[in-house]
Amino acid sequence: MDIGFFDAVPTVNVRIWRSDAIVLFDWLTTTDLNTVPITHPAQKQALADLLARLEETGDLMEATEDEIGAAQGEVAANMGR
């Protein structure tokens, strides 16, 4: 049996609101990670890894522009709470 990378290293499970996941996925797929301010190369890699995990969920890749807009509105409405 071949084990994957994430089966061989310590991992953390994080549950996030679907709207947050949509907003993050949309941002990560439309942002040039080379332009994101970082203080260590591992930060850029961690963002790329987050995108890869979000891609694995499958249904985020099929979010429509309307769904993305609605998710952005929901997340923004909860700012400062």
N, C-alpha and C. Protein backbone atom coordinates (compact mmCIF):
# COMPACT_ATOMS: atom_id res chain seq x y z
N MET A 1 0.85 -1.18 0.00
CA MET A 1 0.00 0.00 0.00
C MET A 1 0.88 1.23 0.00
N ASP A 2 0.67 2.12 -0.95
CA ASP A 2 1.43 3.35 -1.07
C ASP A 2 0.77 4.43 -0.22
N ILE A 3 1.54 5.05 0.68
CA ILE A 3 0.97 6.12 1.50
C ILE A 3 1.30 7.46 0.89
N GLY A 4 0.38 8.40 1.01
CA GLY A 4 0.59 9.73 0.49
C GLY A 4 1.36 10.60 1.46
N PHE A 5 1.81 11.74 0.97
CA PHE A 5 2.58 12.67 1.79
C PHE A 5 1.87 13.01 3.08
N PHE A 6 0.57 13.33 3.00
CA PHE A 6 -0.16 13.76 4.19
C PHE A 6 -0.48 12.61 5.13
N ASP A 7 -0.30 11.39 4.67
CA ASP A 7 -0.44 10.24 5.57
C ASP A 7 0.85 10.04 6.38
N ALA A 8 1.95 10.61 5.91
CA ALA A 8 3.25 10.38 6.53
C ALA A 8 3.71 11.52 7.44
N VAL A 9 3.02 12.65 7.43
CA VAL A 9 3.43 13.79 8.25
C VAL A 9 2.28 14.19 9.18
N PRO A 10 2.62 14.85 10.29
CA PRO A 10 1.55 15.32 11.18
C PRO A 10 0.64 16.32 10.45
N THR A 11 -0.65 16.19 10.66
CA THR A 11 -1.61 17.09 10.02
C THR A 11 -2.56 17.67 11.06
N VAL A 12 -3.29 18.69 10.65
CA VAL A 12 -4.30 19.34 11.48
C VAL A 12 -5.57 19.43 10.66
N ASN A 13 -6.69 19.07 11.24
CA ASN A 13 -7.98 19.22 10.58
C ASN A 13 -8.59 20.56 10.99
N VAL A 14 -9.04 21.31 9.99
CA VAL A 14 -9.65 22.61 10.23
C VAL A 14 -11.00 22.64 9.56
N ARG A 15 -12.02 22.98 10.32
CA ARG A 15 -13.36 23.14 9.74
C ARG A 15 -13.59 24.63 9.54
N ILE A 16 -13.97 25.01 8.31
CA ILE A 16 -14.28 26.41 8.06
C ILE A 16 -15.64 26.50 7.38
N TRP A 17 -16.23 27.65 7.53
CA TRP A 17 -17.50 27.97 6.92
C TRP A 17 -17.36 27.85 5.40
N ARG A 18 -18.34 27.27 4.73
CA ARG A 18 -18.25 27.08 3.28
C ARG A 18 -18.04 28.40 2.56
N SER A 19 -18.69 29.46 3.02
CA SER A 19 -18.50 30.77 2.39
C SER A 19 -17.05 31.23 2.49
N ASP A 20 -16.40 31.00 3.63
CA ASP A 20 -14.98 31.32 3.77
C ASP A 20 -14.16 30.52 2.78
N ALA A 21 -14.49 29.25 2.63
CA ALA A 21 -13.75 28.38 1.70
C ALA A 21 -13.90 28.87 0.27
N ILE A 22 -15.10 29.29 -0.11
CA ILE A 22 -15.32 29.81 -1.46
C ILE A 22 -14.51 31.07 -1.68
N VAL A 23 -14.56 31.99 -0.71
CA VAL A 23 -13.82 33.25 -0.84
C VAL A 23 -12.31 32.98 -0.92
N LEU A 24 -11.80 32.12 -0.05
CA LEU A 24 -10.38 31.81 -0.08
C LEU A 24 -9.97 31.12 -1.38
N PHE A 25 -10.78 30.17 -1.82
CA PHE A 25 -10.48 29.46 -3.05
C PHE A 25 -10.46 30.43 -4.23
N ASP A 26 -11.45 31.30 -4.32
CA ASP A 26 -11.51 32.27 -5.40
C ASP A 26 -10.28 33.18 -5.36
N TRP A 27 -9.94 33.67 -4.18
CA TRP A 27 -8.78 34.56 -4.05
C TRP A 27 -7.49 33.85 -4.42
N LEU A 28 -7.30 32.63 -3.92
CA LEU A 28 -6.07 31.90 -4.20
C LEU A 28 -5.93 31.55 -5.67
N THR A 29 -7.04 31.31 -6.36
CA THR A 29 -6.96 30.95 -7.78
C THR A 29 -6.80 32.18 -8.67
N THR A 30 -7.05 33.37 -8.14
CA THR A 30 -6.95 34.57 -8.96
C THR A 30 -5.81 35.49 -8.54
N THR A 31 -5.03 35.06 -7.57
CA THR A 31 -3.92 35.87 -7.05
C THR A 31 -2.60 35.28 -7.48
N ASP A 32 -1.70 36.14 -7.90
CA ASP A 32 -0.33 35.71 -8.20
C ASP A 32 0.41 35.63 -6.88
N LEU A 33 0.68 34.42 -6.41
CA LEU A 33 1.32 34.26 -5.11
C LEU A 33 2.71 34.88 -5.07
N ASN A 34 3.29 35.15 -6.23
CA ASN A 34 4.60 35.82 -6.26
C ASN A 34 4.50 37.28 -5.85
N THR A 35 3.28 37.84 -5.85
CA THR A 35 3.11 39.25 -5.47
C THR A 35 2.59 39.42 -4.06
N VAL A 36 2.25 38.34 -3.37
CA VAL A 36 1.74 38.41 -2.00
C VAL A 36 2.93 38.67 -1.07
N PRO A 37 2.82 39.70 -0.21
CA PRO A 37 3.93 39.98 0.70
C PRO A 37 4.16 38.81 1.66
N ILE A 38 5.39 38.33 1.71
CA ILE A 38 5.76 37.25 2.62
C ILE A 38 7.06 37.62 3.31
N THR A 39 7.29 37.01 4.45
CA THR A 39 8.56 37.21 5.15
C THR A 39 9.40 35.94 5.13
N HIS A 40 8.82 34.86 4.64
CA HIS A 40 9.54 33.58 4.53
C HIS A 40 8.92 32.78 3.39
N PRO A 41 9.73 32.11 2.57
CA PRO A 41 9.20 31.33 1.46
C PRO A 41 8.17 30.27 1.87
N ALA A 42 8.24 29.80 3.10
CA ALA A 42 7.28 28.80 3.57
C ALA A 42 5.86 29.35 3.58
N GLN A 43 5.71 30.64 3.74
CA GLN A 43 4.37 31.24 3.74
C GLN A 43 3.71 31.08 2.37
N LYS A 44 4.47 31.31 1.31
CA LYS A 44 3.94 31.13 -0.04
C LYS A 44 3.60 29.66 -0.28
N GLN A 45 4.46 28.76 0.18
CA GLN A 45 4.20 27.34 0.01
C GLN A 45 2.96 26.92 0.77
N ALA A 46 2.78 27.46 1.99
CA ALA A 46 1.59 27.11 2.78
C ALA A 46 0.32 27.57 2.07
N LEU A 47 0.34 28.73 1.42
CA LEU A 47 -0.83 29.18 0.65
C LEU A 47 -1.09 28.25 -0.53
N ALA A 48 -0.03 27.83 -1.20
CA ALA A 48 -0.18 26.89 -2.32
C ALA A 48 -0.74 25.56 -1.82
N ASP A 49 -0.28 25.11 -0.65
CA ASP A 49 -0.79 23.87 -0.07
C ASP A 49 -2.27 24.01 0.30
N LEU A 50 -2.64 25.17 0.84
CA LEU A 50 -4.05 25.42 1.17
C LEU A 50 -4.91 25.35 -0.09
N LEU A 51 -4.44 25.97 -1.15
CA LEU A 51 -5.18 25.90 -2.42
C LEU A 51 -5.33 24.46 -2.88
N ALA A 52 -4.28 23.68 -2.77
CA ALA A 52 -4.35 22.27 -3.18
C ALA A 52 -5.38 21.51 -2.36
N ARG A 53 -5.44 21.74 -1.05
CA ARG A 53 -6.42 21.07 -0.21
C ARG A 53 -7.84 21.52 -0.57
N LEU A 54 -8.01 22.82 -0.83
CA LEU A 54 -9.34 23.31 -1.21
C LEU A 54 -9.77 22.72 -2.55
N GLU A 55 -8.83 22.55 -3.47
CA GLU A 55 -9.14 21.94 -4.77
C GLU A 55 -9.63 20.51 -4.60
N GLU A 56 -9.12 19.82 -3.60
CA GLU A 56 -9.52 18.43 -3.36
C GLU A 56 -10.98 18.31 -2.96
N THR A 57 -11.58 19.39 -2.46
CA THR A 57 -12.99 19.31 -2.07
C THR A 57 -13.88 19.18 -3.29
N GLY A 58 -13.36 19.57 -4.46
CA GLY A 58 -14.10 19.39 -5.70
C GLY A 58 -15.17 20.42 -5.99
N ASP A 59 -16.14 20.55 -5.12
CA ASP A 59 -17.28 21.41 -5.44
C ASP A 59 -16.94 22.89 -5.44
N LEU A 60 -15.85 23.30 -4.81
CA LEU A 60 -15.47 24.71 -4.82
C LEU A 60 -15.07 25.16 -6.21
N MET A 61 -14.50 24.25 -6.98
CA MET A 61 -14.06 24.58 -8.33
C MET A 61 -15.24 24.89 -9.25
N GLU A 62 -16.42 24.46 -8.85
CA GLU A 62 -17.60 24.66 -9.67
C GLU A 62 -18.47 25.83 -9.21
N ALA A 63 -17.96 26.62 -8.24
CA ALA A 63 -18.74 27.75 -7.74
C ALA A 63 -18.93 28.77 -8.87
N THR A 64 -20.16 29.24 -9.01
CA THR A 64 -20.48 30.23 -10.03
C THR A 64 -20.12 31.63 -9.52
N GLU A 65 -20.10 32.59 -10.44
CA GLU A 65 -19.84 33.98 -10.05
C GLU A 65 -20.88 34.45 -9.04
N ASP A 66 -22.14 34.02 -9.20
CA ASP A 66 -23.19 34.39 -8.24
C ASP A 66 -22.90 33.81 -6.87
N GLU A 67 -22.46 32.55 -6.82
CA GLU A 67 -22.13 31.92 -5.54
C GLU A 67 -20.93 32.61 -4.88
N ILE A 68 -19.95 32.97 -5.68
CA ILE A 68 -18.78 33.67 -5.15
C ILE A 68 -19.19 35.02 -4.59
N GLY A 69 -20.01 35.75 -5.33
CA GLY A 69 -20.49 37.05 -4.85
C GLY A 69 -21.30 36.93 -3.57
N ALA A 70 -22.15 35.92 -3.50
CA ALA A 70 -22.96 35.71 -2.30
C ALA A 70 -22.06 35.36 -1.12
N ALA A 71 -21.06 34.51 -1.35
CA ALA A 71 -20.14 34.12 -0.28
C ALA A 71 -19.35 35.33 0.21
N GLN A 72 -18.89 36.17 -0.72
CA GLN A 72 -18.17 37.38 -0.33
C GLN A 72 -19.05 38.27 0.52
N GLY A 73 -20.32 38.41 0.15
CA GLY A 73 -21.25 39.22 0.92
C GLY A 73 -21.47 38.66 2.32
N GLU A 74 -21.62 37.35 2.41
CA GLU A 74 -21.84 36.71 3.72
C GLU A 74 -20.63 36.88 4.63
N VAL A 75 -19.44 36.67 4.06
CA VAL A 75 -18.23 36.79 4.87
C VAL A 75 -18.02 38.25 5.29
N ALA A 76 -18.21 39.18 4.36
CA ALA A 76 -18.04 40.59 4.69
C ALA A 76 -19.04 41.06 5.75
N ALA A 77 -20.25 40.49 5.73
CA ALA A 77 -21.27 40.87 6.69
C ALA A 77 -20.89 40.47 8.11
N ASN A 78 -20.01 39.49 8.24
CA ASN A 78 -19.60 39.02 9.56
C ASN A 78 -18.31 39.67 10.04
N MET A 79 -17.80 40.63 9.31
CA MET A 79 -16.56 41.30 9.72
C MET A 79 -16.83 42.11 10.99
N GLY A 80 -15.92 42.02 11.93
CA GLY A 80 -16.02 42.80 13.14
C GLY A 80 -16.93 42.22 14.20
N ARG A 81 -17.44 41.03 13.97
CA ARG A 81 -18.33 40.40 14.96
C ARG A 81 -17.56 39.55 15.89
